PDB file of N, CA and C in Angstrom:
ATOM      1  N   UNK A   1     -41.075 -74.133   8.649  1.00  0.00           N
ATOM      2  CA  UNK A   1     -39.778 -73.577   8.766  1.00  0.00           C
ATOM      3  C   UNK A   1     -39.846 -72.075   8.586  1.00  0.00           C
ATOM      4  N   UNK A   2     -39.009 -71.373   9.325  1.00  0.00           N
ATOM      5  CA  UNK A   2     -38.999 -69.907   9.277  1.00  0.00           C
ATOM      6  C   UNK A   2     -37.768 -69.440   8.516  1.00  0.00           C
ATOM      7  N   UNK A   3     -37.970 -68.505   7.646  1.00  0.00           N
ATOM      8  CA  UNK A   3     -36.862 -67.943   6.877  1.00  0.00           C
ATOM      9  C   UNK A   3     -36.319 -66.747   7.651  1.00  0.00           C
ATOM     10  N   UNK A   4     -35.146 -66.934   8.263  1.00  0.00           N
ATOM     11  CA  UNK A   4     -34.574 -65.865   9.095  1.00  0.00           C
ATOM     12  C   UNK A   4     -33.898 -64.772   8.261  1.00  0.00           C
ATOM     13  N   UNK A   5     -33.527 -65.058   7.046  1.00  0.00           N
ATOM     14  CA  UNK A   5     -32.854 -64.055   6.220  1.00  0.00           C
ATOM     15  C   UNK A   5     -33.789 -62.907   5.880  1.00  0.00           C
ATOM     16  N   UNK A   6     -35.028 -63.141   5.683  1.00  0.00           N
ATOM     17  CA  UNK A   6     -35.980 -62.089   5.336  1.00  0.00           C
ATOM     18  C   UNK A   6     -36.483 -61.347   6.563  1.00  0.00           C
ATOM     19  N   UNK A   7     -36.290 -61.892   7.738  1.00  0.00           N
ATOM     20  CA  UNK A   7     -36.799 -61.286   8.953  1.00  0.00           C
ATOM     21  C   UNK A   7     -35.744 -60.427   9.667  1.00  0.00           C
ATOM     22  N   UNK A   8     -34.644 -60.082   9.015  1.00  0.00           N
ATOM     23  CA  UNK A   8     -33.602 -59.298   9.670  1.00  0.00           C
ATOM     24  C   UNK A   8     -34.080 -57.867   9.841  1.00  0.00           C
ATOM     25  N   UNK A   9     -33.842 -57.347  11.028  1.00  0.00           N
ATOM     26  CA  UNK A   9     -34.180 -55.963  11.319  1.00  0.00           C
ATOM     27  C   UNK A   9     -32.874 -55.213  11.593  1.00  0.00           C
ATOM     28  N   UNK A  10     -32.787 -54.020  11.054  1.00  0.00           N
ATOM     29  CA  UNK A  10     -31.590 -53.208  11.242  1.00  0.00           C
ATOM     30  C   UNK A  10     -31.897 -52.201  12.333  1.00  0.00           C
ATOM     31  N   UNK A  11     -31.125 -52.288  13.445  1.00  0.00           N
ATOM     32  CA  UNK A  11     -31.343 -51.385  14.568  1.00  0.00           C
ATOM     33  C   UNK A  11     -30.333 -50.230  14.576  1.00  0.00           C
ATOM     34  N   UNK A  12     -29.219 -50.365  13.878  1.00  0.00           N
ATOM     35  CA  UNK A  12     -28.184 -49.333  13.893  1.00  0.00           C
ATOM     36  C   UNK A  12     -27.483 -49.320  12.537  1.00  0.00           C
ATOM     37  N   UNK A  13     -27.339 -48.117  11.951  1.00  0.00           N
ATOM     38  CA  UNK A  13     -26.571 -47.983  10.715  1.00  0.00           C
ATOM     39  C   UNK A  13     -25.383 -47.082  11.004  1.00  0.00           C
ATOM     40  N   UNK A  14     -24.267 -47.414  10.435  1.00  0.00           N
ATOM     41  CA  UNK A  14     -23.047 -46.633  10.654  1.00  0.00           C
ATOM     42  C   UNK A  14     -22.909 -45.606   9.543  1.00  0.00           C
ATOM     43  N   UNK A  15     -22.685 -44.360   9.939  1.00  0.00           N
ATOM     44  CA  UNK A  15     -22.508 -43.286   8.969  1.00  0.00           C
ATOM     45  C   UNK A  15     -21.033 -43.239   8.582  1.00  0.00           C
ATOM     46  N   UNK A  16     -20.737 -43.606   7.354  1.00  0.00           N
ATOM     47  CA  UNK A  16     -19.340 -43.687   6.922  1.00  0.00           C
ATOM     48  C   UNK A  16     -18.861 -42.383   6.298  1.00  0.00           C
ATOM     49  N   UNK A  17     -19.728 -41.389   6.142  1.00  0.00           N
ATOM     50  CA  UNK A  17     -19.312 -40.132   5.517  1.00  0.00           C
ATOM     51  C   UNK A  17     -18.499 -39.266   6.479  1.00  0.00           C
ATOM     52  N   UNK A  18     -18.680 -39.399   7.773  1.00  0.00           N
ATOM     53  CA  UNK A  18     -17.899 -38.636   8.754  1.00  0.00           C
ATOM     54  C   UNK A  18     -16.729 -39.477   9.210  1.00  0.00           C
ATOM     55  N   UNK A  19     -15.548 -38.875   9.191  1.00  0.00           N
ATOM     56  CA  UNK A  19     -14.369 -39.598   9.633  1.00  0.00           C
ATOM     57  C   UNK A  19     -13.823 -38.908  10.861  1.00  0.00           C
ATOM     58  N   UNK A  20     -13.315 -39.690  11.745  1.00  0.00           N
ATOM     59  CA  UNK A  20     -12.775 -39.174  12.994  1.00  0.00           C
ATOM     60  C   UNK A  20     -11.412 -38.545  12.755  1.00  0.00           C
ATOM     61  N   UNK A  21     -11.109 -37.401  13.389  1.00  0.00           N
ATOM     62  CA  UNK A  21      -9.797 -36.774  13.241  1.00  0.00           C
ATOM     63  C   UNK A  21      -8.734 -37.434  14.122  1.00  0.00           C
ATOM     64  N   UNK A  22      -9.068 -38.520  14.765  1.00  0.00           N
ATOM     65  CA  UNK A  22      -8.141 -39.176  15.692  1.00  0.00           C
ATOM     66  C   UNK A  22      -6.867 -39.628  14.979  1.00  0.00           C
ATOM     67  N   UNK A  23      -6.951 -40.085  13.739  1.00  0.00           N
ATOM     68  CA  UNK A  23      -5.768 -40.502  12.984  1.00  0.00           C
ATOM     69  C   UNK A  23      -4.809 -39.338  12.754  1.00  0.00           C
ATOM     70  N   UNK A  24      -5.342 -38.171  12.430  1.00  0.00           N
ATOM     71  CA  UNK A  24      -4.517 -36.980  12.226  1.00  0.00           C
ATOM     72  C   UNK A  24      -3.853 -36.554  13.538  1.00  0.00           C
ATOM     73  N   UNK A  25      -4.585 -36.620  14.608  1.00  0.00           N
ATOM     74  CA  UNK A  25      -4.035 -36.227  15.906  1.00  0.00           C
ATOM     75  C   UNK A  25      -2.901 -37.165  16.309  1.00  0.00           C
ATOM     76  N   UNK A  26      -3.109 -38.458  16.155  1.00  0.00           N
ATOM     77  CA  UNK A  26      -2.069 -39.433  16.502  1.00  0.00           C
ATOM     78  C   UNK A  26      -0.847 -39.244  15.601  1.00  0.00           C
ATOM     79  N   UNK A  27      -1.055 -39.021  14.320  1.00  0.00           N
ATOM     80  CA  UNK A  27       0.048 -38.788  13.393  1.00  0.00           C
ATOM     81  C   UNK A  27       0.832 -37.525  13.739  1.00  0.00           C
ATOM     82  N   UNK A  28       0.131 -36.467  14.110  1.00  0.00           N
ATOM     83  CA  UNK A  28       0.790 -35.213  14.496  1.00  0.00           C
ATOM     84  C   UNK A  28       1.623 -35.373  15.753  1.00  0.00           C
ATOM     85  N   UNK A  29       1.066 -36.063  16.739  1.00  0.00           N
ATOM     86  CA  UNK A  29       1.806 -36.305  17.979  1.00  0.00           C
ATOM     87  C   UNK A  29       3.036 -37.161  17.689  1.00  0.00           C
ATOM     88  N   UNK A  30       2.913 -38.145  16.813  1.00  0.00           N
ATOM     89  CA  UNK A  30       4.056 -38.997  16.461  1.00  0.00           C
ATOM     90  C   UNK A  30       5.143 -38.190  15.761  1.00  0.00           C
ATOM     91  N   UNK A  31       4.758 -37.283  14.856  1.00  0.00           N
ATOM     92  CA  UNK A  31       5.744 -36.442  14.181  1.00  0.00           C
ATOM     93  C   UNK A  31       6.437 -35.501  15.156  1.00  0.00           C
ATOM     94  N   UNK A  32       5.690 -34.923  16.083  1.00  0.00           N
ATOM     95  CA  UNK A  32       6.293 -34.050  17.094  1.00  0.00           C
ATOM     96  C   UNK A  32       7.265 -34.826  17.967  1.00  0.00           C
ATOM     97  N   UNK A  33       6.885 -36.025  18.361  1.00  0.00           N
ATOM     98  CA  UNK A  33       7.775 -36.845  19.187  1.00  0.00           C
ATOM     99  C   UNK A  33       9.038 -37.211  18.413  1.00  0.00           C
ATOM    100  N   UNK A  34       8.901 -37.539  17.138  1.00  0.00           N
ATOM    101  CA  UNK A  34      10.056 -37.876  16.307  1.00  0.00           C
ATOM    102  C   UNK A  34      10.978 -36.667  16.147  1.00  0.00           C
ATOM    103  N   UNK A  35      10.404 -35.493  15.915  1.00  0.00           N
ATOM    104  CA  UNK A  35      11.199 -34.268  15.784  1.00  0.00           C
ATOM    105  C   UNK A  35      11.932 -33.931  17.071  1.00  0.00           C
ATOM    106  N   UNK A  36      11.250 -34.059  18.209  1.00  0.00           N
ATOM    107  CA  UNK A  36      11.888 -33.791  19.501  1.00  0.00           C
ATOM    108  C   UNK A  36      13.014 -34.790  19.752  1.00  0.00           C
ATOM    109  N   UNK A  37      12.824 -36.040  19.381  1.00  0.00           N
ATOM    110  CA  UNK A  37      13.867 -37.049  19.584  1.00  0.00           C
ATOM    111  C   UNK A  37      15.077 -36.755  18.713  1.00  0.00           C
ATOM    112  N   UNK A  38      14.865 -36.318  17.482  1.00  0.00           N
ATOM    113  CA  UNK A  38      15.977 -35.996  16.586  1.00  0.00           C
ATOM    114  C   UNK A  38      16.772 -34.820  17.141  1.00  0.00           C
ATOM    115  N   UNK A  39      16.086 -33.803  17.630  1.00  0.00           N
ATOM    116  CA  UNK A  39      16.779 -32.643  18.197  1.00  0.00           C
ATOM    117  C   UNK A  39      17.494 -33.013  19.485  1.00  0.00           C
ATOM    118  N   UNK A  40      16.843 -33.761  20.326  1.00  0.00           N
ATOM    119  CA  UNK A  40      17.422 -34.102  21.629  1.00  0.00           C
ATOM    120  C   UNK A  40      18.590 -35.075  21.498  1.00  0.00           C
ATOM    121  N   UNK A  41      18.528 -35.997  20.561  1.00  0.00           N
ATOM    122  CA  UNK A  41      19.546 -37.027  20.426  1.00  0.00           C
ATOM    123  C   UNK A  41      20.702 -36.631  19.505  1.00  0.00           C
ATOM    124  N   UNK A  42      20.620 -35.438  18.872  1.00  0.00           N
ATOM    125  CA  UNK A  42      21.681 -35.000  17.977  1.00  0.00           C
ATOM    126  C   UNK A  42      22.638 -34.092  18.736  1.00  0.00           C
ATOM    127  N   UNK A  43      23.939 -34.333  18.593  1.00  0.00           N
ATOM    128  CA  UNK A  43      24.960 -33.533  19.253  1.00  0.00           C
ATOM    129  C   UNK A  43      25.893 -32.991  18.178  1.00  0.00           C
ATOM    130  N   UNK A  44      25.967 -31.677  18.059  1.00  0.00           N
ATOM    131  CA  UNK A  44      26.803 -31.038  17.044  1.00  0.00           C
ATOM    132  C   UNK A  44      27.912 -30.290  17.770  1.00  0.00           C
ATOM    133  N   UNK A  45      29.177 -30.594  17.435  1.00  0.00           N
ATOM    134  CA  UNK A  45      30.328 -29.922  18.027  1.00  0.00           C
ATOM    135  C   UNK A  45      31.165 -29.316  16.911  1.00  0.00           C
ATOM    136  N   UNK A  46      31.708 -28.123  17.148  1.00  0.00           N
ATOM    137  CA  UNK A  46      32.582 -27.462  16.191  1.00  0.00           C
ATOM    138  C   UNK A  46      33.994 -27.992  16.405  1.00  0.00           C
ATOM    139  N   UNK A  47      34.525 -28.678  15.416  1.00  0.00           N
ATOM    140  CA  UNK A  47      35.848 -29.285  15.568  1.00  0.00           C
ATOM    141  C   UNK A  47      36.936 -28.437  14.939  1.00  0.00           C
ATOM    142  N   UNK A  48      36.613 -27.581  13.992  1.00  0.00           N
ATOM    143  CA  UNK A  48      37.607 -26.733  13.351  1.00  0.00           C
ATOM    144  C   UNK A  48      36.921 -25.455  12.909  1.00  0.00           C
ATOM    145  N   UNK A  49      37.561 -24.302  13.136  1.00  0.00           N
ATOM    146  CA  UNK A  49      36.970 -23.032  12.729  1.00  0.00           C
ATOM    147  C   UNK A  49      37.164 -22.828  11.232  1.00  0.00           C
ATOM    148  N   UNK A  50      36.301 -22.049  10.649  1.00  0.00           N
ATOM    149  CA  UNK A  50      36.370 -21.786   9.211  1.00  0.00           C
ATOM    150  C   UNK A  50      37.291 -20.608   8.946  1.00  0.00           C
ATOM    151  N   UNK A  51      37.832 -20.541   7.734  1.00  0.00           N
ATOM    152  CA  UNK A  51      38.703 -19.441   7.341  1.00  0.00           C
ATOM    153  C   UNK A  51      38.345 -19.056   5.913  1.00  0.00           C
ATOM    154  N   UNK A  52      38.194 -17.758   5.694  1.00  0.00           N
ATOM    155  CA  UNK A  52      37.854 -17.282   4.351  1.00  0.00           C
ATOM    156  C   UNK A  52      39.083 -17.327   3.464  1.00  0.00           C
ATOM    157  N   UNK A  53      38.890 -17.560   2.180  1.00  0.00           N
ATOM    158  CA  UNK A  53      40.044 -17.593   1.271  1.00  0.00           C
ATOM    159  C   UNK A  53      40.573 -16.177   1.034  1.00  0.00           C
ATOM    160  N   UNK A  54      41.850 -16.070   0.683  1.00  0.00           N
ATOM    161  CA  UNK A  54      42.432 -14.788   0.345  1.00  0.00           C
ATOM    162  C   UNK A  54      42.067 -14.454  -1.095  1.00  0.00           C
ATOM    163  N   UNK A  55      41.608 -13.233  -1.304  1.00  0.00           N
ATOM    164  CA  UNK A  55      41.163 -12.814  -2.632  1.00  0.00           C
ATOM    165  C   UNK A  55      41.889 -11.524  -2.978  1.00  0.00           C
ATOM    166  N   UNK A  56      42.406 -11.418  -4.183  1.00  0.00           N
ATOM    167  CA  UNK A  56      43.030 -10.174  -4.638  1.00  0.00           C
ATOM    168  C   UNK A  56      42.301  -9.700  -5.892  1.00  0.00           C
ATOM    169  N   UNK A  57      42.070  -8.400  -5.947  1.00  0.00           N
ATOM    170  CA  UNK A  57      41.350  -7.808  -7.077  1.00  0.00           C
ATOM    171  C   UNK A  57      42.303  -6.825  -7.744  1.00  0.00           C
ATOM    172  N   UNK A  58      42.468  -6.949  -9.033  1.00  0.00           N
ATOM    173  CA  UNK A  58      43.371  -6.075  -9.772  1.00  0.00           C
ATOM    174  C   UNK A  58      42.657  -5.510 -10.982  1.00  0.00           C
ATOM    175  N   UNK A  59      42.945  -4.247 -11.264  1.00  0.00           N
ATOM    176  CA  UNK A  59      42.448  -3.612 -12.485  1.00  0.00           C
ATOM    177  C   UNK A  59      40.942  -3.567 -12.565  1.00  0.00           C
ATOM    178  N   UNK A  60      40.454  -3.576 -13.776  1.00  0.00           N
ATOM    179  CA  UNK A  60      39.022  -3.528 -14.021  1.00  0.00           C
ATOM    180  C   UNK A  60      38.648  -2.262 -14.759  1.00  0.00           C
ATOM    181  N   UNK A  61      37.431  -2.176 -15.218  1.00  0.00           N
ATOM    182  CA  UNK A  61      36.971  -1.003 -15.951  1.00  0.00           C
ATOM    183  C   UNK A  61      35.472  -0.874 -15.761  1.00  0.00           C
ATOM    184  N   UNK A  62      35.038   0.338 -15.517  1.00  0.00           N
ATOM    185  CA  UNK A  62      33.602   0.613 -15.431  1.00  0.00           C
ATOM    186  C   UNK A  62      33.037   0.666 -16.846  1.00  0.00           C
ATOM    187  N   UNK A  63      31.787   0.353 -17.047  1.00  0.00           N
ATOM    188  CA  UNK A  63      31.213   0.395 -18.396  1.00  0.00           C
ATOM    189  C   UNK A  63      31.052   1.844 -18.866  1.00  0.00           C
ATOM    190  N   UNK A  64      31.186   2.064 -20.150  1.00  0.00           N
ATOM    191  CA  UNK A  64      30.977   3.382 -20.747  1.00  0.00           C
ATOM    192  C   UNK A  64      29.510   3.507 -21.136  1.00  0.00           C
ATOM    193  N   UNK A  65      28.916   4.653 -20.799  1.00  0.00           N
ATOM    194  CA  UNK A  65      27.491   4.856 -21.061  1.00  0.00           C
ATOM    195  C   UNK A  65      27.323   6.176 -21.801  1.00  0.00           C
ATOM    196  N   UNK A  66      26.566   6.170 -22.873  1.00  0.00           N
ATOM    197  CA  UNK A  66      26.256   7.377 -23.634  1.00  0.00           C
ATOM    198  C   UNK A  66      24.756   7.605 -23.510  1.00  0.00           C
ATOM    199  N   UNK A  67      24.370   8.722 -22.909  1.00  0.00           N
ATOM    200  CA  UNK A  67      22.961   9.020 -22.683  1.00  0.00           C
ATOM    201  C   UNK A  67      22.599  10.295 -23.427  1.00  0.00           C
ATOM    202  N   UNK A  68      21.574  10.245 -24.266  1.00  0.00           N
ATOM    203  CA  UNK A  68      21.060  11.418 -24.970  1.00  0.00           C
ATOM    204  C   UNK A  68      19.709  11.767 -24.366  1.00  0.00           C
ATOM    205  N   UNK A  69      19.600  12.997 -23.874  1.00  0.00           N
ATOM    206  CA  UNK A  69      18.337  13.444 -23.293  1.00  0.00           C
ATOM    207  C   UNK A  69      17.779  14.576 -24.140  1.00  0.00           C
ATOM    208  N   UNK A  70      16.519  14.860 -23.964  1.00  0.00           N
ATOM    209  CA  UNK A  70      15.857  15.904 -24.731  1.00  0.00           C
ATOM    210  C   UNK A  70      16.369  17.274 -24.306  1.00  0.00           C
ATOM    211  N   UNK A  71      16.440  18.203 -25.279  1.00  0.00           N
ATOM    212  CA  UNK A  71      16.818  19.581 -24.980  1.00  0.00           C
ATOM    213  C   UNK A  71      15.585  20.341 -24.536  1.00  0.00           C
ATOM    214  N   UNK A  72      15.689  21.024 -23.409  1.00  0.00           N
ATOM    215  CA  UNK A  72      14.574  21.808 -22.882  1.00  0.00           C
ATOM    216  C   UNK A  72      15.026  23.255 -22.811  1.00  0.00           C
ATOM    217  N   UNK A  73      14.322  24.122 -23.514  1.00  0.00           N
ATOM    218  CA  UNK A  73      14.647  25.548 -23.505  1.00  0.00           C
ATOM    219  C   UNK A  73      13.626  26.258 -22.627  1.00  0.00           C
ATOM    220  N   UNK A  74      14.112  26.910 -21.598  1.00  0.00           N
ATOM    221  CA  UNK A  74      13.245  27.671 -20.708  1.00  0.00           C
ATOM    222  C   UNK A  74      13.441  29.151 -20.984  1.00  0.00           C
ATOM    223  N   UNK A  75      12.373  29.861 -20.965  1.00  0.00           N
ATOM    224  CA  UNK A  75      12.455  31.303 -21.183  1.00  0.00           C
ATOM    225  C   UNK A  75      11.592  32.030 -20.181  1.00  0.00           C
ATOM    226  N   UNK A  76      11.746  33.307 -20.155  1.00  0.00           N
ATOM    227  CA  UNK A  76      10.911  34.106 -19.259  1.00  0.00           C
ATOM    228  C   UNK A  76      10.390  35.303 -20.029  1.00  0.00           C
ATOM    229  N   UNK A  77       9.279  35.816 -19.600  1.00  0.00           N
ATOM    230  CA  UNK A  77       8.647  36.954 -20.234  1.00  0.00           C
ATOM    231  C   UNK A  77       8.121  37.862 -19.136  1.00  0.00           C
ATOM    232  N   UNK A  78       8.369  39.132 -19.277  1.00  0.00           N
ATOM    233  CA  UNK A  78       7.910  40.077 -18.260  1.00  0.00           C
ATOM    234  C   UNK A  78       6.466  40.449 -18.559  1.00  0.00           C
ATOM    235  N   UNK A  79       5.603  40.286 -17.555  1.00  0.00           N
ATOM    236  CA  UNK A  79       4.178  40.551 -17.694  1.00  0.00           C
ATOM    237  C   UNK A  79       3.769  41.482 -16.566  1.00  0.00           C
ATOM    238  N   UNK A  80       2.993  42.477 -16.895  1.00  0.00           N
ATOM    239  CA  UNK A  80       2.466  43.391 -15.883  1.00  0.00           C
ATOM    240  C   UNK A  80       1.057  42.945 -15.536  1.00  0.00           C
ATOM    241  N   UNK A  81       0.833  42.736 -14.252  1.00  0.00           N
ATOM    242  CA  UNK A  81      -0.466  42.280 -13.784  1.00  0.00           C
ATOM    243  C   UNK A  81      -1.034  43.328 -12.858  1.00  0.00           C
ATOM    244  N   UNK A  82      -2.276  43.691 -13.088  1.00  0.00           N
ATOM    245  CA  UNK A  82      -2.937  44.680 -12.226  1.00  0.00           C
ATOM    246  C   UNK A  82      -3.433  43.985 -10.976  1.00  0.00           C
ATOM    247  N   UNK A  83      -3.137  44.583  -9.853  1.00  0.00           N
ATOM    248  CA  UNK A  83      -3.584  44.050  -8.572  1.00  0.00           C
ATOM    249  C   UNK A  83      -4.891  44.744  -8.214  1.00  0.00           C
ATOM    250  N   UNK A  84      -5.903  43.998  -7.810  1.00  0.00           N
ATOM    251  CA  UNK A  84      -7.183  44.646  -7.494  1.00  0.00           C
ATOM    252  C   UNK A  84      -7.060  45.553  -6.268  1.00  0.00           C
ATOM    253  N   UNK A  85      -7.840  46.624  -6.316  1.00  0.00           N
ATOM    254  CA  UNK A  85      -7.906  47.528  -5.159  1.00  0.00           C
ATOM    255  C   UNK A  85      -9.193  47.260  -4.417  1.00  0.00           C
ATOM    256  N   UNK A  86      -9.113  47.322  -3.119  1.00  0.00           N
ATOM    257  CA  UNK A  86     -10.283  47.055  -2.287  1.00  0.00           C
ATOM    258  C   UNK A  86     -10.560  48.297  -1.448  1.00  0.00           C
ATOM    259  N   UNK A  87     -11.759  48.800  -1.546  1.00  0.00           N
ATOM    260  CA  UNK A  87     -12.189  49.942  -0.733  1.00  0.00           C
ATOM    261  C   UNK A  87     -13.176  49.433   0.300  1.00  0.00           C
ATOM    262  N   UNK A  88     -12.854  49.643   1.563  1.00  0.00           N
ATOM    263  CA  UNK A  88     -13.736  49.190   2.644  1.00  0.00           C
ATOM    264  C   UNK A  88     -14.184  50.402   3.435  1.00  0.00           C
ATOM    265  N   UNK A  89     -15.460  50.522   3.584  1.00  0.00           N
ATOM    266  CA  UNK A  89     -16.018  51.577   4.427  1.00  0.00           C
ATOM    267  C   UNK A  89     -16.394  50.946   5.758  1.00  0.00           C
ATOM    268  N   UNK A  90     -15.725  51.343   6.851  1.00  0.00           N
ATOM    269  CA  UNK A  90     -16.057  50.745   8.154  1.00  0.00           C
ATOM    270  C   UNK A  90     -17.494  51.072   8.544  1.00  0.00           C
ATOM    271  N   UNK A  91     -18.097  50.230   9.359  1.00  0.00           N
ATOM    272  CA  UNK A  91     -19.494  50.481   9.743  1.00  0.00           C
ATOM    273  C   UNK A  91     -19.607  51.749  10.598  1.00  0.00           C
ATOM    274  N   UNK A  92     -20.682  52.447  10.393  1.00  0.00           N
ATOM    275  CA  UNK A  92     -20.963  53.645  11.176  1.00  0.00           C
ATOM    276  C   UNK A  92     -21.517  53.242  12.528  1.00  0.00           C
ATOM    277  N   UNK A  93     -21.559  54.151  13.430  1.00  0.00           N
ATOM    278  CA  UNK A  93     -22.063  53.864  14.769  1.00  0.00           C
ATOM    279  C   UNK A  93     -23.528  53.463  14.681  1.00  0.00           C
ATOM    280  N   UNK A  94     -23.848  52.311  15.297  1.00  0.00           N
ATOM    281  CA  UNK A  94     -25.206  51.786  15.278  1.00  0.00           C
ATOM    282  C   UNK A  94     -25.470  50.867  14.097  1.00  0.00           C
ATOM    283  N   UNK A  95     -24.512  50.735  13.184  1.00  0.00           N
ATOM    284  CA  UNK A  95     -24.680  49.859  12.030  1.00  0.00           C
ATOM    285  C   UNK A  95     -24.147  48.472  12.380  1.00  0.00           C
ATOM    286  N   UNK A  96     -24.842  47.419  11.951  1.00  0.00           N
ATOM    287  CA  UNK A  96     -24.449  46.046  12.245  1.00  0.00           C
ATOM    288  C   UNK A  96     -23.196  45.674  11.442  1.00  0.00           C
ATOM    289  N   UNK A  97     -22.360  44.804  12.020  1.00  0.00           N
ATOM    290  CA  UNK A  97     -21.146  44.349  11.333  1.00  0.00           C
ATOM    291  C   UNK A  97     -21.477  43.458  10.145  1.00  0.00           C
ATOM    292  N   UNK A  98     -22.660  42.798  10.151  1.00  0.00           N
ATOM    293  CA  UNK A  98     -23.059  41.955   9.024  1.00  0.00           C
ATOM    294  C   UNK A  98     -23.310  42.790   7.778  1.00  0.00           C
ATOM    295  N   UNK A  99     -23.650  44.043   7.958  1.00  0.00           N
ATOM    296  CA  UNK A  99     -23.906  44.914   6.818  1.00  0.00           C
ATOM    297  C   UNK A  99     -22.603  45.396   6.188  1.00  0.00           C
ATOM    298  N   UNK A 100     -21.460  45.096   6.806  1.00  0.00           N
ATOM    299  CA  UNK A 100     -20.164  45.533   6.317  1.00  0.00           C
ATOM    300  C   UNK A 100     -19.876  44.980   4.928  1.00  0.00           C
ATOM    301  N   UNK A 101     -20.321  43.753   4.617  1.00  0.00           N
ATOM    302  CA  UNK A 101     -20.069  43.140   3.314  1.00  0.00           C
ATOM    303  C   UNK A 101     -20.748  43.916   2.196  1.00  0.00           C
ATOM    304  N   UNK A 102     -21.801  44.652   2.513  1.00  0.00           N
ATOM    305  CA  UNK A 102     -22.480  45.443   1.491  1.00  0.00           C
ATOM    306  C   UNK A 102     -21.652  46.670   1.102  1.00  0.00           C
ATOM    307  N   UNK A 103     -20.691  47.077   1.934  1.00  0.00           N
ATOM    308  CA  UNK A 103     -19.916  48.288   1.690  1.00  0.00           C
ATOM    309  C   UNK A 103     -18.545  48.002   1.065  1.00  0.00           C
ATOM    310  N   UNK A 104     -18.271  46.768   0.617  1.00  0.00           N
ATOM    311  CA  UNK A 104     -16.979  46.427   0.019  1.00  0.00           C
ATOM    312  C   UNK A 104     -17.103  46.521  -1.488  1.00  0.00           C
ATOM    313  N   UNK A 105     -16.218  47.326  -2.088  1.00  0.00           N
ATOM    314  CA  UNK A 105     -16.177  47.454  -3.540  1.00  0.00           C
ATOM    315  C   UNK A 105     -14.834  46.923  -4.020  1.00  0.00           C
ATOM    316  N   UNK A 106     -14.845  46.023  -4.993  1.00  0.00           N
ATOM    317  CA  UNK A 106     -13.627  45.474  -5.566  1.00  0.00           C
ATOM    318  C   UNK A 106     -13.580  45.863  -7.027  1.00  0.00           C
ATOM    319  N   UNK A 107     -12.503  46.557  -7.399  1.00  0.00           N
ATOM    320  CA  UNK A 107     -12.308  46.962  -8.789  1.00  0.00           C
ATOM    321  C   UNK A 107     -11.154  46.160  -9.352  1.00  0.00           C
ATOM    322  N   UNK A 108     -11.412  45.378 -10.384  1.00  0.00           N
ATOM    323  CA  UNK A 108     -10.375  44.567 -11.007  1.00  0.00           C
ATOM    324  C   UNK A 108     -10.283  44.966 -12.469  1.00  0.00           C
ATOM    325  N   UNK A 109      -9.090  45.373 -12.879  1.00  0.00           N
ATOM    326  CA  UNK A 109      -8.855  45.720 -14.271  1.00  0.00           C
ATOM    327  C   UNK A 109      -7.763  44.796 -14.776  1.00  0.00           C
ATOM    328  N   UNK A 110      -8.155  43.732 -15.455  1.00  0.00           N
ATOM    329  CA  UNK A 110      -7.201  42.752 -15.946  1.00  0.00           C
ATOM    330  C   UNK A 110      -6.989  43.002 -17.431  1.00  0.00           C
ATOM    331  N   UNK A 111      -5.744  43.310 -17.775  1.00  0.00           N
ATOM    332  CA  UNK A 111      -5.400  43.520 -19.169  1.00  0.00           C
ATOM    333  C   UNK A 111      -4.058  42.851 -19.418  1.00  0.00           C
ATOM    334  N   UNK A 112      -4.031  41.536 -19.290  1.00  0.00           N
ATOM    335  CA  UNK A 112      -2.794  40.785 -19.498  1.00  0.00           C
ATOM    336  C   UNK A 112      -2.945  39.941 -20.744  1.00  0.00           C
ATOM    337  N   UNK A 113      -1.874  39.808 -21.488  1.00  0.00           N
ATOM    338  CA  UNK A 113      -1.894  39.021 -22.715  1.00  0.00           C
ATOM    339  C   UNK A 113      -1.355  37.627 -22.391  1.00  0.00           C
ATOM    340  N   UNK A 114      -2.201  36.800 -21.839  1.00  0.00           N
ATOM    341  CA  UNK A 114      -1.822  35.449 -21.452  1.00  0.00           C
ATOM    342  C   UNK A 114      -2.713  34.463 -22.178  1.00  0.00           C
ATOM    343  N   UNK A 115      -2.158  33.289 -22.471  1.00  0.00           N
ATOM    344  CA  UNK A 115      -2.943  32.230 -23.101  1.00  0.00           C
ATOM    345  C   UNK A 115      -3.535  31.354 -22.006  1.00  0.00           C
ATOM    346  N   UNK A 116      -4.748  31.692 -21.581  1.00  0.00           N
ATOM    347  CA  UNK A 116      -5.409  30.955 -20.512  1.00  0.00           C
ATOM    348  C   UNK A 116      -6.783  30.550 -21.010  1.00  0.00           C
ATOM    349  N   UNK A 117      -7.090  29.272 -20.853  1.00  0.00           N
ATOM    350  CA  UNK A 117      -8.417  28.793 -21.217  1.00  0.00           C
ATOM    351  C   UNK A 117      -9.261  28.657 -19.977  1.00  0.00           C
ATOM    352  N   UNK A 118     -10.424  29.257 -19.989  1.00  0.00           N
ATOM    353  CA  UNK A 118     -11.323  29.225 -18.842  1.00  0.00           C
ATOM    354  C   UNK A 118     -12.543  28.402 -19.219  1.00  0.00           C
ATOM    355  N   UNK A 119     -12.992  27.581 -18.281  1.00  0.00           N
ATOM    356  CA  UNK A 119     -14.218  26.821 -18.496  1.00  0.00           C
ATOM    357  C   UNK A 119     -15.386  27.659 -17.964  1.00  0.00           C
ATOM    358  N   UNK A 120     -16.515  27.652 -18.649  1.00  0.00           N
ATOM    359  CA  UNK A 120     -17.661  28.432 -18.163  1.00  0.00           C
ATOM    360  C   UNK A 120     -18.206  27.863 -16.860  1.00  0.00           C
ATOM    361  N   UNK A 121     -18.745  28.759 -16.039  1.00  0.00           N
ATOM    362  CA  UNK A 121     -19.325  28.308 -14.764  1.00  0.00           C
ATOM    363  C   UNK A 121     -20.562  27.479 -15.033  1.00  0.00           C
ATOM    364  N   UNK A 122     -20.731  26.445 -14.203  1.00  0.00           N
ATOM    365  CA  UNK A 122     -21.920  25.604 -14.314  1.00  0.00           C
ATOM    366  C   UNK A 122     -22.770  25.841 -13.079  1.00  0.00           C
ATOM    367  N   UNK A 123     -23.987  26.261 -13.281  1.00  0.00           N
ATOM    368  CA  UNK A 123     -24.897  26.539 -12.141  1.00  0.00           C
ATOM    369  C   UNK A 123     -25.694  25.335 -11.810  1.00  0.00           C
TER     370      UNK A 123
END
């Protein structure tokens, strides 16, 4: 006698991890058809126009507000500032224009009593 239960061969296995989107597609089409039927089969008619109620407003009072702000005192002070003078010697005949920068003298005499903090230059 032959035992057929042990001699079974599997020629095809079904992969159950992947699911077909066909159910979603059919469900979506059914919902669209249902929505179209509801819109197409519904008839809305205006049987009476609307009217707003009459409203009367009397009296009233705006709220009282007390606001305290900071006092700011502005002042002015007259300061004399020296404007620098610039002496430029135009180039002589036959002299290049690039050499013109060598002939510029700037004299600045600053003697103002101002509270200014300067940061030192960083090279």
